[in-house]
Amino acid sequence: MNAENVKSQMRKGILEYCILLILRKEPAYSSDIIEKLQEAKLIVVEGTLYPLLTRLKNSELLGYQWIESTQGPPRKYYKLTEKGELFLQELEVSWQELNDAINHIKNN
C-alpha cells in the first residue's frame, strides 16, 4: 500500500469542507481559494478546484457574483449560500465527532 495514495485520498475527502470554511469568512476568487488551500499545505491546482466549485454550486451550497477587475475581465467571486452555511454546520459536527473518535483510538 502506498502512503502517498492514502494521503491524497484523505485530502480529497476534506477539500470541500475546507472550501466552505474559506468562503464562510468572505466571498473569494478561485485563485484566492487556491492560495489559502496551499498556505494550509493542501496543494490544489485549478483542474482540481473548478469541478469542486461547480459541484458545490450545483448543490446550491455556493453562489457567485461577477466583480469588475482593474486588471482584466470581471472575476467570478464565490460565496456561501444560506443552504451552504447550514451544510457547513453539519460538516463541522461530523468533523468534530470524527476527530474525537480518532483521538480516542490514538490515546487508548
N, C-alpha and C. Protein backbone atom coordinates (compact mmCIF):
# COMPACT_ATOMS: atom_id res chain seq x y z
N MET A 1 0.86 -1.18 0.00
CA MET A 1 0.00 0.00 0.00
C MET A 1 0.90 1.24 0.00
N ASN A 2 0.51 2.24 -0.74
CA ASN A 2 1.29 3.46 -0.89
C ASN A 2 0.74 4.57 0.01
N ALA A 3 1.57 5.07 0.91
CA ALA A 3 1.13 6.12 1.84
C ALA A 3 0.72 7.39 1.10
N GLU A 4 1.40 7.72 0.01
CA GLU A 4 1.04 8.92 -0.74
C GLU A 4 -0.37 8.83 -1.30
N ASN A 5 -0.76 7.65 -1.76
CA ASN A 5 -2.14 7.47 -2.26
C ASN A 5 -3.16 7.67 -1.15
N VAL A 6 -2.88 7.14 0.02
CA VAL A 6 -3.80 7.29 1.15
C VAL A 6 -3.90 8.76 1.55
N LYS A 7 -2.75 9.44 1.63
CA LYS A 7 -2.77 10.86 2.00
C LYS A 7 -3.54 11.68 0.96
N SER A 8 -3.38 11.34 -0.30
CA SER A 8 -4.10 12.05 -1.36
C SER A 8 -5.61 11.86 -1.22
N GLN A 9 -6.03 10.64 -0.92
CA GLN A 9 -7.46 10.36 -0.74
C GLN A 9 -8.02 11.10 0.48
N MET A 10 -7.22 11.18 1.53
CA MET A 10 -7.67 11.90 2.74
C MET A 10 -7.85 13.39 2.42
N ARG A 11 -6.91 13.97 1.68
CA ARG A 11 -7.01 15.38 1.31
C ARG A 11 -8.24 15.63 0.45
N LYS A 12 -8.48 14.76 -0.52
CA LYS A 12 -9.65 14.92 -1.40
C LYS A 12 -10.93 14.89 -0.57
N GLY A 13 -10.95 14.07 0.45
CA GLY A 13 -12.13 13.94 1.28
C GLY A 13 -12.47 15.18 2.09
N ILE A 14 -11.48 16.02 2.34
CA ILE A 14 -11.76 17.20 3.16
C ILE A 14 -11.71 18.51 2.37
N LEU A 15 -11.40 18.46 1.09
CA LEU A 15 -11.29 19.70 0.30
C LEU A 15 -12.59 20.50 0.28
N GLU A 16 -13.71 19.84 0.06
CA GLU A 16 -14.98 20.57 0.01
C GLU A 16 -15.25 21.26 1.35
N TYR A 17 -14.99 20.57 2.42
CA TYR A 17 -15.16 21.15 3.75
C TYR A 17 -14.28 22.39 3.90
N CYS A 18 -13.03 22.29 3.48
CA CYS A 18 -12.10 23.42 3.59
C CYS A 18 -12.54 24.59 2.71
N ILE A 19 -13.04 24.31 1.52
CA ILE A 19 -13.52 25.38 0.64
C ILE A 19 -14.68 26.12 1.30
N LEU A 20 -15.59 25.39 1.89
CA LEU A 20 -16.72 26.02 2.57
C LEU A 20 -16.24 26.85 3.76
N LEU A 21 -15.25 26.36 4.49
CA LEU A 21 -14.70 27.12 5.62
C LEU A 21 -14.09 28.43 5.14
N ILE A 22 -13.37 28.38 4.03
CA ILE A 22 -12.75 29.59 3.48
C ILE A 22 -13.82 30.60 3.08
N LEU A 23 -14.86 30.12 2.41
CA LEU A 23 -15.89 31.02 1.90
C LEU A 23 -16.85 31.50 2.99
N ARG A 24 -16.82 30.87 4.14
CA ARG A 24 -17.65 31.35 5.25
C ARG A 24 -17.19 32.75 5.67
N LYS A 25 -15.90 33.00 5.60
CA LYS A 25 -15.35 34.28 6.04
C LYS A 25 -15.68 35.42 5.09
N GLU A 26 -15.57 35.15 3.79
CA GLU A 26 -15.84 36.19 2.79
C GLU A 26 -15.86 35.58 1.40
N PRO A 27 -16.54 36.23 0.45
CA PRO A 27 -16.50 35.75 -0.93
C PRO A 27 -15.06 35.75 -1.42
N ALA A 28 -14.74 34.82 -2.32
CA ALA A 28 -13.36 34.71 -2.79
C ALA A 28 -13.32 34.31 -4.26
N TYR A 29 -12.31 34.80 -4.93
CA TYR A 29 -11.98 34.45 -6.31
C TYR A 29 -11.27 33.09 -6.27
N SER A 30 -11.39 32.31 -7.32
CA SER A 30 -10.83 30.96 -7.32
C SER A 30 -9.33 30.93 -7.00
N SER A 31 -8.57 31.86 -7.54
CA SER A 31 -7.13 31.85 -7.24
C SER A 31 -6.86 32.17 -5.77
N ASP A 32 -7.74 32.96 -5.13
CA ASP A 32 -7.60 33.23 -3.70
C ASP A 32 -7.87 31.96 -2.89
N ILE A 33 -8.84 31.18 -3.33
CA ILE A 33 -9.16 29.92 -2.65
C ILE A 33 -7.96 28.97 -2.76
N ILE A 34 -7.39 28.86 -3.95
CA ILE A 34 -6.22 28.00 -4.15
C ILE A 34 -5.08 28.45 -3.25
N GLU A 35 -4.85 29.75 -3.19
CA GLU A 35 -3.76 30.28 -2.36
C GLU A 35 -3.95 29.91 -0.90
N LYS A 36 -5.18 30.05 -0.40
CA LYS A 36 -5.43 29.73 1.01
C LYS A 36 -5.27 28.24 1.28
N LEU A 37 -5.69 27.40 0.33
CA LEU A 37 -5.51 25.96 0.48
C LEU A 37 -4.03 25.60 0.46
N GLN A 38 -3.28 26.24 -0.41
CA GLN A 38 -1.84 25.98 -0.48
C GLN A 38 -1.13 26.45 0.78
N GLU A 39 -1.54 27.59 1.34
CA GLU A 39 -0.96 28.06 2.60
C GLU A 39 -1.16 27.04 3.71
N ALA A 40 -2.28 26.30 3.64
CA ALA A 40 -2.58 25.27 4.63
C ALA A 40 -1.95 23.93 4.27
N LYS A 41 -1.11 23.92 3.24
CA LYS A 41 -0.41 22.72 2.77
C LYS A 41 -1.35 21.70 2.13
N LEU A 42 -2.50 22.16 1.66
CA LEU A 42 -3.41 21.32 0.87
C LEU A 42 -3.19 21.73 -0.59
N ILE A 43 -2.22 21.13 -1.21
CA ILE A 43 -1.83 21.53 -2.56
C ILE A 43 -2.96 21.22 -3.53
N VAL A 44 -3.43 22.25 -4.20
CA VAL A 44 -4.56 22.13 -5.13
C VAL A 44 -4.23 22.92 -6.38
N VAL A 45 -4.62 22.38 -7.53
CA VAL A 45 -4.47 23.09 -8.80
C VAL A 45 -5.86 23.43 -9.32
N GLU A 46 -5.90 24.35 -10.28
CA GLU A 46 -7.20 24.79 -10.82
C GLU A 46 -8.02 23.61 -11.34
N GLY A 47 -7.36 22.65 -11.95
CA GLY A 47 -8.07 21.49 -12.50
C GLY A 47 -8.78 20.67 -11.45
N THR A 48 -8.33 20.77 -10.21
CA THR A 48 -8.99 20.09 -9.10
C THR A 48 -10.08 20.97 -8.51
N LEU A 49 -9.80 22.27 -8.41
CA LEU A 49 -10.72 23.18 -7.74
C LEU A 49 -12.01 23.42 -8.51
N TYR A 50 -11.91 23.67 -9.80
CA TYR A 50 -13.10 24.06 -10.56
C TYR A 50 -14.21 23.01 -10.54
N PRO A 51 -13.91 21.71 -10.69
CA PRO A 51 -15.01 20.73 -10.58
C PRO A 51 -15.66 20.74 -9.19
N LEU A 52 -14.85 20.96 -8.15
CA LEU A 52 -15.41 21.03 -6.80
C LEU A 52 -16.32 22.24 -6.64
N LEU A 53 -15.87 23.39 -7.14
CA LEU A 53 -16.70 24.60 -7.06
C LEU A 53 -18.00 24.41 -7.84
N THR A 54 -17.91 23.79 -9.00
CA THR A 54 -19.10 23.55 -9.81
C THR A 54 -20.07 22.62 -9.08
N ARG A 55 -19.54 21.56 -8.47
CA ARG A 55 -20.40 20.63 -7.75
C ARG A 55 -21.07 21.32 -6.56
N LEU A 56 -20.33 22.13 -5.83
CA LEU A 56 -20.90 22.86 -4.70
C LEU A 56 -21.94 23.88 -5.16
N LYS A 57 -21.68 24.53 -6.29
CA LYS A 57 -22.64 25.49 -6.83
C LYS A 57 -23.91 24.78 -7.29
N ASN A 58 -23.74 23.66 -7.99
CA ASN A 58 -24.91 22.90 -8.48
C ASN A 58 -25.74 22.34 -7.33
N SER A 59 -25.11 22.12 -6.20
CA SER A 59 -25.82 21.66 -5.00
C SER A 59 -26.42 22.81 -4.20
N GLU A 60 -26.27 24.03 -4.74
CA GLU A 60 -26.80 25.26 -4.14
C GLU A 60 -26.15 25.59 -2.80
N LEU A 61 -24.92 25.09 -2.59
CA LEU A 61 -24.17 25.42 -1.39
C LEU A 61 -23.35 26.68 -1.59
N LEU A 62 -23.06 27.00 -2.85
CA LEU A 62 -22.33 28.20 -3.21
C LEU A 62 -23.11 29.00 -4.23
N GLY A 63 -22.92 30.29 -4.19
CA GLY A 63 -23.39 31.18 -5.23
C GLY A 63 -22.18 31.95 -5.72
N TYR A 64 -22.38 32.84 -6.66
CA TYR A 64 -21.27 33.66 -7.11
C TYR A 64 -21.78 34.98 -7.66
N GLN A 65 -20.87 35.93 -7.76
CA GLN A 65 -21.20 37.19 -8.41
C GLN A 65 -19.97 37.64 -9.18
N TRP A 66 -20.23 38.33 -10.28
CA TRP A 66 -19.16 38.87 -11.10
C TRP A 66 -18.79 40.24 -10.56
N ILE A 67 -17.49 40.45 -10.37
CA ILE A 67 -17.00 41.73 -9.87
C ILE A 67 -15.95 42.24 -10.86
N GLU A 68 -16.11 43.51 -11.22
CA GLU A 68 -15.17 44.12 -12.16
C GLU A 68 -13.75 44.08 -11.60
N SER A 69 -12.79 43.88 -12.48
CA SER A 69 -11.39 43.83 -12.09
C SER A 69 -10.64 44.99 -12.74
N THR A 70 -9.69 45.53 -12.02
CA THR A 70 -8.86 46.59 -12.59
C THR A 70 -7.75 46.00 -13.47
N GLN A 71 -7.60 44.68 -13.43
CA GLN A 71 -6.52 44.02 -14.16
C GLN A 71 -7.04 43.05 -15.21
N GLY A 72 -8.12 43.35 -15.86
CA GLY A 72 -8.64 42.45 -16.89
C GLY A 72 -10.15 42.32 -16.80
N PRO A 73 -10.64 41.16 -17.27
CA PRO A 73 -12.09 40.96 -17.30
C PRO A 73 -12.67 40.79 -15.89
N PRO A 74 -14.00 40.88 -15.78
CA PRO A 74 -14.64 40.66 -14.47
C PRO A 74 -14.27 39.28 -13.91
N ARG A 75 -14.27 39.19 -12.60
CA ARG A 75 -13.91 37.94 -11.93
C ARG A 75 -15.12 37.38 -11.20
N LYS A 76 -15.20 36.06 -11.19
CA LYS A 76 -16.28 35.37 -10.50
C LYS A 76 -15.86 35.11 -9.06
N TYR A 77 -16.59 35.74 -8.13
CA TYR A 77 -16.32 35.55 -6.70
C TYR A 77 -17.38 34.61 -6.14
N TYR A 78 -16.92 33.53 -5.52
CA TYR A 78 -17.81 32.55 -4.93
C TYR A 78 -18.14 32.94 -3.50
N LYS A 79 -19.37 32.61 -3.10
CA LYS A 79 -19.80 32.90 -1.73
C LYS A 79 -20.68 31.77 -1.22
N LEU A 80 -20.72 31.63 0.07
CA LEU A 80 -21.53 30.61 0.72
C LEU A 80 -23.00 31.04 0.69
N THR A 81 -23.88 30.13 0.35
CA THR A 81 -25.32 30.42 0.41
C THR A 81 -25.83 30.07 1.81
N GLU A 82 -27.07 30.39 2.07
CA GLU A 82 -27.67 30.01 3.35
C GLU A 82 -27.69 28.49 3.49
N LYS A 83 -28.02 27.80 2.41
CA LYS A 83 -28.01 26.33 2.42
C LYS A 83 -26.58 25.83 2.67
N GLY A 84 -25.60 26.51 2.09
CA GLY A 84 -24.21 26.14 2.30
C GLY A 84 -23.78 26.32 3.74
N GLU A 85 -24.25 27.38 4.37
CA GLU A 85 -23.92 27.63 5.78
C GLU A 85 -24.49 26.52 6.66
N LEU A 86 -25.73 26.10 6.39
CA LEU A 86 -26.34 25.01 7.17
C LEU A 86 -25.59 23.70 6.95
N PHE A 87 -25.20 23.45 5.70
CA PHE A 87 -24.45 22.24 5.37
C PHE A 87 -23.09 22.26 6.08
N LEU A 88 -22.44 23.42 6.09
CA LEU A 88 -21.15 23.55 6.76
C LEU A 88 -21.29 23.28 8.25
N GLN A 89 -22.36 23.73 8.86
CA GLN A 89 -22.57 23.44 10.28
C GLN A 89 -22.67 21.94 10.53
N GLU A 90 -23.34 21.23 9.62
CA GLU A 90 -23.43 19.76 9.74
C GLU A 90 -22.05 19.12 9.60
N LEU A 91 -21.28 19.62 8.64
CA LEU A 91 -19.94 19.08 8.44
C LEU A 91 -19.05 19.32 9.65
N GLU A 92 -19.21 20.47 10.28
CA GLU A 92 -18.40 20.77 11.46
C GLU A 92 -18.70 19.81 12.60
N VAL A 93 -19.97 19.44 12.77
CA VAL A 93 -20.34 18.46 13.79
C VAL A 93 -19.71 17.10 13.44
N SER A 94 -19.81 16.71 12.17
CA SER A 94 -19.24 15.43 11.74
C SER A 94 -17.73 15.43 11.91
N TRP A 95 -17.07 16.54 11.56
CA TRP A 95 -15.62 16.64 11.71
C TRP A 95 -15.23 16.49 13.18
N GLN A 96 -15.95 17.14 14.07
CA GLN A 96 -15.64 17.06 15.50
C GLN A 96 -15.82 15.64 16.01
N GLU A 97 -16.89 14.98 15.58
CA GLU A 97 -17.13 13.59 16.00
C GLU A 97 -16.01 12.68 15.50
N LEU A 98 -15.61 12.85 14.26
CA LEU A 98 -14.54 12.05 13.68
C LEU A 98 -13.22 12.32 14.39
N ASN A 99 -12.93 13.57 14.63
CA ASN A 99 -11.71 13.96 15.33
C ASN A 99 -11.68 13.36 16.74
N ASP A 100 -12.81 13.42 17.43
CA ASP A 100 -12.89 12.85 18.78
C ASP A 100 -12.67 11.34 18.74
N ALA A 101 -13.25 10.66 17.74
CA ALA A 101 -13.10 9.20 17.63
C ALA A 101 -11.64 8.83 17.36
N ILE A 102 -10.99 9.56 16.48
CA ILE A 102 -9.59 9.27 16.16
C ILE A 102 -8.71 9.52 17.38
N ASN A 103 -8.94 10.63 18.07
CA ASN A 103 -8.15 10.91 19.27
C ASN A 103 -8.37 9.86 20.35
N HIS A 104 -9.59 9.37 20.46
CA HIS A 104 -9.89 8.31 21.44
C HIS A 104 -9.09 7.05 21.10
N ILE A 105 -9.08 6.68 19.83
CA ILE A 105 -8.35 5.48 19.42
C ILE A 105 -6.85 5.66 19.62
N LYS A 106 -6.34 6.84 19.27
CA LYS A 106 -4.91 7.11 19.43
C LYS A 106 -4.48 7.07 20.89
N ASN A 107 -5.32 7.52 21.77
CA ASN A 107 -4.95 7.66 23.17
C ASN A 107 -5.33 6.46 24.05
N ASN A 108 -5.94 5.45 23.47
CA ASN A 108 -6.33 4.27 24.27
C ASN A 108 -5.70 3.01 23.74
